[in-house]
């Protein structure tokens, strides 16, 4: 089962963000997380947001590097969502998973 879908039904693609970058990819995980790939004048960025937990942005020199990391980050976010979303979720384990995510994807 694919838990990811285009954020806002894909309407954000091609939009210009607040810092002037253009959104190239924008996916949402079951209304609980979002990963966005944007290209600016001199950089490419991947922003990940786990709603209510973390907002984390990384910057890259090349689009291929950013695309590769975008896919890897989505996979790891899906694992984190499995830890933090159950009714009996342990917030300590959630923060540990998020800390590991930030260490792995600085």
N, C-alpha and C. Protein backbone atom coordinates (compact mmCIF):
# COMPACT_ATOMS: atom_id res chain seq x y z
N UNK A 1 0.84 -1.18 0.00
CA UNK A 1 0.00 0.00 0.00
C UNK A 1 0.89 1.25 0.00
N UNK A 2 0.60 2.18 -0.88
CA UNK A 2 1.37 3.42 -0.96
C UNK A 2 0.71 4.47 -0.07
N UNK A 3 1.44 4.87 0.95
CA UNK A 3 0.92 5.86 1.90
C UNK A 3 1.27 7.28 1.50
N UNK A 4 1.96 7.45 0.38
CA UNK A 4 2.35 8.76 -0.11
C UNK A 4 1.43 9.19 -1.26
N UNK A 5 1.14 10.48 -1.31
CA UNK A 5 0.39 11.03 -2.44
C UNK A 5 0.89 12.45 -2.71
N UNK A 6 0.56 12.96 -3.85
CA UNK A 6 0.97 14.33 -4.21
C UNK A 6 0.29 15.30 -3.25
N UNK A 7 1.08 16.17 -2.66
CA UNK A 7 0.55 17.18 -1.75
C UNK A 7 -0.42 18.09 -2.51
N UNK A 8 -1.55 18.39 -1.92
CA UNK A 8 -2.56 19.28 -2.51
C UNK A 8 -2.90 18.85 -3.94
N UNK A 9 -2.98 17.54 -4.13
CA UNK A 9 -3.30 16.97 -5.45
C UNK A 9 -2.36 17.46 -6.55
N UNK A 10 -1.12 17.78 -6.20
CA UNK A 10 -0.11 18.19 -7.17
C UNK A 10 -0.16 19.66 -7.56
N UNK A 11 -1.07 20.42 -6.96
CA UNK A 11 -1.20 21.84 -7.34
C UNK A 11 0.01 22.69 -6.91
N UNK A 12 0.81 22.18 -5.98
CA UNK A 12 1.97 22.96 -5.54
C UNK A 12 3.14 22.88 -6.52
N UNK A 13 3.16 21.86 -7.38
CA UNK A 13 4.27 21.69 -8.34
C UNK A 13 4.32 22.91 -9.26
N UNK A 14 5.52 23.49 -9.38
CA UNK A 14 5.72 24.66 -10.23
C UNK A 14 5.47 25.98 -9.51
N UNK A 15 4.91 25.90 -8.31
CA UNK A 15 4.68 27.13 -7.54
C UNK A 15 6.00 27.66 -7.00
N UNK A 16 6.05 28.94 -6.76
CA UNK A 16 7.24 29.59 -6.21
C UNK A 16 7.06 29.72 -4.71
N UNK A 17 8.05 29.23 -3.97
CA UNK A 17 8.01 29.31 -2.52
C UNK A 17 8.35 30.69 -2.01
N UNK A 18 8.23 30.86 -0.71
CA UNK A 18 8.45 32.18 -0.10
C UNK A 18 9.87 32.70 -0.31
N UNK A 19 10.85 31.80 -0.46
CA UNK A 19 12.23 32.24 -0.66
C UNK A 19 12.60 32.32 -2.14
N UNK A 20 11.62 32.14 -3.02
CA UNK A 20 11.85 32.29 -4.45
C UNK A 20 12.18 31.01 -5.18
N UNK A 21 12.21 29.87 -4.50
CA UNK A 21 12.51 28.61 -5.16
C UNK A 21 11.24 28.01 -5.77
N UNK A 22 11.43 27.16 -6.76
CA UNK A 22 10.32 26.52 -7.47
C UNK A 22 10.16 25.09 -6.95
N UNK A 23 8.94 24.71 -6.65
CA UNK A 23 8.65 23.36 -6.15
C UNK A 23 8.66 22.39 -7.32
N UNK A 24 9.52 21.36 -7.23
CA UNK A 24 9.65 20.34 -8.27
C UNK A 24 8.90 19.06 -7.92
N UNK A 25 8.96 18.66 -6.67
CA UNK A 25 8.25 17.48 -6.15
C UNK A 25 7.72 17.84 -4.78
N UNK A 26 6.54 17.30 -4.45
CA UNK A 26 5.91 17.63 -3.18
C UNK A 26 4.97 16.50 -2.80
N UNK A 27 5.38 15.68 -1.85
CA UNK A 27 4.60 14.51 -1.46
C UNK A 27 4.21 14.58 0.02
N UNK A 28 3.05 13.99 0.31
CA UNK A 28 2.54 13.97 1.68
C UNK A 28 2.26 12.53 2.10
N UNK A 29 2.59 12.23 3.34
CA UNK A 29 2.36 10.91 3.92
C UNK A 29 1.11 10.95 4.78
N UNK A 30 0.02 10.42 4.31
CA UNK A 30 -1.22 10.28 5.07
C UNK A 30 -1.53 11.47 5.98
N UNK A 31 -1.38 12.66 5.47
CA UNK A 31 -1.65 13.90 6.23
C UNK A 31 -0.84 13.98 7.53
N UNK A 32 0.33 13.33 7.54
CA UNK A 32 1.15 13.35 8.75
C UNK A 32 2.56 13.85 8.53
N UNK A 33 2.98 13.91 7.28
CA UNK A 33 4.33 14.36 6.96
C UNK A 33 4.36 14.84 5.52
N UNK A 34 5.37 15.63 5.21
CA UNK A 34 5.50 16.18 3.87
C UNK A 34 6.98 16.28 3.52
N UNK A 35 7.30 15.99 2.26
CA UNK A 35 8.66 16.14 1.74
C UNK A 35 8.55 16.94 0.44
N UNK A 36 9.36 18.00 0.35
CA UNK A 36 9.29 18.92 -0.79
C UNK A 36 10.68 19.13 -1.37
N UNK A 37 10.78 19.00 -2.69
CA UNK A 37 12.03 19.24 -3.42
C UNK A 37 11.86 20.56 -4.17
N UNK A 38 12.79 21.51 -3.93
CA UNK A 38 12.70 22.82 -4.56
C UNK A 38 14.04 23.20 -5.17
N UNK A 39 13.94 24.00 -6.26
CA UNK A 39 15.16 24.51 -6.89
C UNK A 39 15.15 26.03 -6.81
N UNK A 40 16.24 26.57 -6.25
CA UNK A 40 16.43 28.01 -6.21
C UNK A 40 17.43 28.43 -7.27
N UNK A 41 17.83 29.68 -7.26
CA UNK A 41 18.80 30.18 -8.24
C UNK A 41 20.16 29.50 -8.12
N UNK A 42 20.59 29.23 -6.89
CA UNK A 42 21.93 28.69 -6.69
C UNK A 42 21.96 27.43 -5.84
N UNK A 43 20.82 26.80 -5.63
CA UNK A 43 20.77 25.62 -4.77
C UNK A 43 19.53 24.78 -5.10
N UNK A 44 19.57 23.58 -4.57
CA UNK A 44 18.41 22.69 -4.58
C UNK A 44 18.21 22.28 -3.13
N UNK A 45 16.97 22.21 -2.68
CA UNK A 45 16.72 21.84 -1.29
C UNK A 45 15.66 20.75 -1.19
N UNK A 46 15.76 20.01 -0.11
CA UNK A 46 14.74 19.03 0.25
C UNK A 46 14.30 19.39 1.67
N UNK A 47 13.02 19.69 1.82
CA UNK A 47 12.45 20.00 3.13
C UNK A 47 11.57 18.84 3.55
N UNK A 48 11.74 18.44 4.79
CA UNK A 48 10.88 17.39 5.34
C UNK A 48 10.20 17.95 6.58
N UNK A 49 8.92 17.64 6.71
CA UNK A 49 8.15 18.10 7.83
C UNK A 49 7.30 16.95 8.33
N UNK A 50 7.54 16.55 9.57
CA UNK A 50 6.66 15.59 10.24
C UNK A 50 5.80 16.44 11.15
N UNK A 51 4.54 16.57 10.78
CA UNK A 51 3.64 17.52 11.41
C UNK A 51 3.63 17.38 12.94
N UNK A 52 3.92 18.49 13.59
CA UNK A 52 3.93 18.52 15.04
C UNK A 52 5.21 18.01 15.68
N UNK A 53 6.17 17.57 14.86
CA UNK A 53 7.40 16.99 15.38
C UNK A 53 8.65 17.72 14.91
N UNK A 54 8.82 17.87 13.58
CA UNK A 54 10.08 18.41 13.07
C UNK A 54 9.87 19.04 11.70
N UNK A 55 10.68 20.05 11.43
CA UNK A 55 10.79 20.66 10.10
C UNK A 55 12.28 20.74 9.82
N UNK A 56 12.73 20.05 8.78
CA UNK A 56 14.16 19.89 8.53
C UNK A 56 14.44 20.11 7.04
N UNK A 57 15.39 20.99 6.73
CA UNK A 57 15.73 21.30 5.33
C UNK A 57 17.21 21.02 5.09
N UNK A 58 17.47 20.42 3.93
CA UNK A 58 18.84 20.14 3.49
C UNK A 58 19.07 20.83 2.16
N UNK A 59 20.32 21.21 1.89
CA UNK A 59 20.67 21.91 0.65
C UNK A 59 21.69 21.09 -0.13
N UNK A 60 21.56 21.15 -1.46
CA UNK A 60 22.41 20.37 -2.35
C UNK A 60 22.91 21.24 -3.50
N UNK A 61 24.03 20.82 -4.09
CA UNK A 61 24.58 21.52 -5.24
C UNK A 61 23.95 21.05 -6.55
N UNK A 62 23.52 19.78 -6.60
CA UNK A 62 22.99 19.25 -7.85
C UNK A 62 21.60 18.65 -7.65
N UNK A 63 20.81 18.69 -8.70
CA UNK A 63 19.47 18.12 -8.68
C UNK A 63 19.51 16.59 -8.53
N UNK A 64 20.41 15.88 -9.22
CA UNK A 64 20.45 14.42 -9.02
C UNK A 64 20.72 14.02 -7.57
N UNK A 65 21.62 14.73 -6.89
CA UNK A 65 21.87 14.44 -5.48
C UNK A 65 20.62 14.67 -4.65
N UNK A 66 19.94 15.77 -4.90
CA UNK A 66 18.73 16.08 -4.14
C UNK A 66 17.63 15.06 -4.41
N UNK A 67 17.47 14.63 -5.65
CA UNK A 67 16.44 13.62 -5.97
C UNK A 67 16.72 12.30 -5.26
N UNK A 68 17.98 11.90 -5.25
CA UNK A 68 18.36 10.64 -4.58
C UNK A 68 18.03 10.73 -3.09
N UNK A 69 18.42 11.84 -2.46
CA UNK A 69 18.18 12.01 -1.03
C UNK A 69 16.69 12.17 -0.72
N UNK A 70 15.95 12.79 -1.62
CA UNK A 70 14.51 12.93 -1.48
C UNK A 70 13.87 11.55 -1.30
N UNK A 71 14.23 10.62 -2.17
CA UNK A 71 13.68 9.26 -2.10
C UNK A 71 14.10 8.56 -0.81
N UNK A 72 15.35 8.70 -0.43
CA UNK A 72 15.83 8.07 0.81
C UNK A 72 15.13 8.65 2.03
N UNK A 73 14.94 9.97 2.05
CA UNK A 73 14.30 10.62 3.18
C UNK A 73 12.84 10.18 3.30
N UNK A 74 12.16 10.05 2.16
CA UNK A 74 10.77 9.58 2.19
C UNK A 74 10.68 8.20 2.84
N UNK A 75 11.59 7.32 2.49
CA UNK A 75 11.59 5.97 3.04
C UNK A 75 11.79 6.00 4.55
N UNK A 76 12.70 6.83 5.02
CA UNK A 76 12.96 6.91 6.46
C UNK A 76 11.81 7.58 7.20
N UNK A 77 11.19 8.56 6.59
CA UNK A 77 10.03 9.21 7.22
C UNK A 77 8.90 8.20 7.38
N UNK A 78 8.72 7.35 6.40
CA UNK A 78 7.68 6.33 6.50
C UNK A 78 7.93 5.43 7.71
N UNK A 79 9.17 5.07 7.96
CA UNK A 79 9.51 4.27 9.15
C UNK A 79 9.20 5.03 10.43
N UNK A 80 9.56 6.31 10.45
CA UNK A 80 9.29 7.13 11.65
C UNK A 80 7.80 7.23 11.90
N UNK A 81 7.02 7.39 10.85
CA UNK A 81 5.58 7.50 11.01
C UNK A 81 5.00 6.23 11.63
N UNK A 82 5.60 5.09 11.35
CA UNK A 82 5.17 3.84 11.97
C UNK A 82 5.45 3.80 13.46
N UNK A 83 6.38 4.62 13.92
CA UNK A 83 6.72 4.68 15.35
C UNK A 83 5.86 5.70 16.07
N UNK A 84 5.61 6.85 15.45
CA UNK A 84 4.96 7.94 16.18
C UNK A 84 3.44 8.01 16.02
N UNK A 85 2.87 7.28 15.06
CA UNK A 85 1.43 7.43 14.84
C UNK A 85 0.52 6.42 15.54
N UNK A 86 1.00 5.28 15.99
CA UNK A 86 0.06 4.39 16.68
C UNK A 86 -0.50 5.06 17.94
N UNK A 87 -1.70 4.63 18.32
CA UNK A 87 -2.36 5.20 19.50
C UNK A 87 -1.48 5.09 20.73
N UNK A 88 -0.76 4.00 20.87
CA UNK A 88 0.10 3.80 22.04
C UNK A 88 1.55 4.20 21.77
N UNK A 89 1.75 5.14 20.86
CA UNK A 89 3.10 5.56 20.48
C UNK A 89 3.88 6.08 21.68
N UNK A 90 5.14 5.71 21.73
CA UNK A 90 6.05 6.17 22.78
C UNK A 90 6.81 7.38 22.24
N UNK A 91 6.58 8.56 22.84
CA UNK A 91 7.20 9.77 22.30
C UNK A 91 8.72 9.73 22.41
N UNK A 92 9.26 9.03 23.40
CA UNK A 92 10.72 8.92 23.51
C UNK A 92 11.26 8.18 22.29
N UNK A 93 10.62 7.09 21.91
CA UNK A 93 11.07 6.34 20.72
C UNK A 93 10.91 7.20 19.46
N UNK A 94 9.86 8.01 19.43
CA UNK A 94 9.66 8.91 18.29
C UNK A 94 10.78 9.91 18.18
N UNK A 95 11.14 10.54 19.29
CA UNK A 95 12.24 11.52 19.27
C UNK A 95 13.57 10.86 18.96
N UNK A 96 13.76 9.64 19.44
CA UNK A 96 15.00 8.91 19.10
C UNK A 96 15.07 8.67 17.59
N UNK A 97 13.95 8.26 17.00
CA UNK A 97 13.92 8.02 15.55
C UNK A 97 14.16 9.30 14.78
N UNK A 98 13.59 10.40 15.23
CA UNK A 98 13.79 11.69 14.57
C UNK A 98 15.23 12.15 14.72
N UNK A 99 15.80 11.97 15.90
CA UNK A 99 17.21 12.32 16.11
C UNK A 99 18.12 11.55 15.17
N UNK A 100 17.84 10.27 15.00
CA UNK A 100 18.62 9.46 14.08
C UNK A 100 18.45 9.93 12.64
N UNK A 101 17.23 10.31 12.29
CA UNK A 101 16.94 10.84 10.95
C UNK A 101 17.80 12.08 10.68
N UNK A 102 17.84 13.01 11.62
CA UNK A 102 18.62 14.25 11.45
C UNK A 102 20.11 13.94 11.38
N UNK A 103 20.57 12.98 12.16
CA UNK A 103 21.98 12.58 12.09
C UNK A 103 22.30 11.96 10.72
N UNK A 104 21.39 11.14 10.21
CA UNK A 104 21.62 10.46 8.94
C UNK A 104 21.51 11.42 7.76
N UNK A 105 20.62 12.40 7.89
CA UNK A 105 20.38 13.36 6.82
C UNK A 105 20.63 14.79 7.32
N UNK A 106 21.91 15.13 7.53
CA UNK A 106 22.23 16.47 8.08
C UNK A 106 21.97 17.60 7.10
